[in-house]
Amino acid sequence: MATKKTIPRMALPEGLRIDTLAVREGLPRTQWGENSEALFLTSSFVQPDAATAAARFANEEEAFIYSRFTNPTVTMFERRLAALEGSEACIATSSGMAAIMLTAMALLKAGDHVICSRSVFGSTISLLGREFAKFGVETTFVSQTDVGEWQRAVRPTTKLLFAESPTNPLTEVCDIRALAEVAHGAKALLAVDNCFCTPALQKPIDYGADLIIHSGTKYLDGQGRVLAGAVCGKEQLINDQFVPVMRSAGMTLAAFNAWVVLKGLETLSIRMRAQSERALQLANWLEQQPQIERVFYPGLQSHPQHELAMAQQSGCGGAVLSFTVKARVSGDGEAEADAARRAAFHVIDSTCVCSITANLGDTKTTITHPASTSHGRLTEVQRQAAGITQGMVRVSVGLEDVEDLKDDLLRGLNSL
């Protein structure tokens, strides 16, 4: 039986553009006529009578019942993000990793196979490669950029292809359209983590992706205040396979966190453009510094996937870059890795403006050493396979003056 739709939508004209949707999409105002979206801090909702309650709990009628899986503030965030991504539906989660866990729980069972980029966030590698392996789900990790390797990894049991674009921290860009063709040829789904770009710069659904994953903790919030996550996709897929798991397992986004990220979406496009402009300036400057071995940033012409990034990412490189510091030590591999690590630590510890934290997407510039933080739980073999060296430093560029960021990095670079 189809669910009777009773939750109204915001009365908006058709064809609104992304910047307008970012501040207008949601639920209708309450009887009080608030201009800023209401925050519903309640665990449950009163039903008019027992029969209606029964119908709503049986999912025969759409309604707000219990905030573990239905809450007006969370629904406003879901509707707004879905509108920005160009998807039919969205389901919000308590964090970005919860969104990936929900995706795996909703789509996979023992015996199923996943193909995943080996360059994704370290916790994603651990979740798919170790935790879900306990339950009989096998994952093959492949090159982010070699479509042929993805194709060769396909099995009859392949159900999901998972990629980030760009990746954390190497900023590798995958050909979303090509991976979608591989997935659909195998009757599998393609999920793309769009955390680095957000819909302000990239809409994976336009290139054939089936699911878009978000850590709302990053750019969707934009100011490092709360944890949040989301999965966007087709309405039937979300309602039939994701909502039941959410209802049972409860990776729930808190209403307050949903409200904070909802307000963050209002400035998403402006922030992403401004931070990306600063990142490009900083990346160009870093390439000229003699202490830097290599800079990883899609907006640079030296980036291996520069042209693809400019096509998929609305001509913008995003606001995250990484670079490797030159290790001026000769010797065996272990000695060189140790020297590179000490050099990276020195650059990071010499900063006074940048915040030393592994979070990203903040209006404040953050700096971190990926090999010992975001990817610290991986083995050295896994890190090397992903291209994450001990001399690598990741910078998430905020809204400070670029000249101040250059001076901040020079404190460490000039004293290596």
Foldseek 3Di string as FASTA:
>chain_A
DAAAEDFDWFDDDPDDDLLVLLQGGAGDDDPVPDNQDDFDQDFADDDPDDVRLVCVVVRNYDDTGGQLQHDRLLRRLFRSQCVLLVFATKGKFQFLVVAVVLVCQLFDAAPAEEEEALQAWQVSCCCQPPVCVVGRYHYDHDHQEDLVRVLVPDDLRYAEYEYEQLHPPQNDGYQLLSVLVSQVVSVHAYEYADAQQRSLFFRSVVSRHAKYKYFLCAQLLAANDHTMIMIGHHPCSCVVRRSVCSVVVRSGHRSVNSSSSSVSSSCRNVFFVLLQVLQVVLQVVLVPAPQWDDKRWLCDPPHPCVVVCCVRGVHTGGRKMKTFTQQPDDDDPVVSLVSLLVLQVQLQVQFDQADDDPGANYLGKHKYQCCCPRNVPDDPVSCVVNVRGSRMMMIRGHNDDSVSVVVRSCSSSVVD
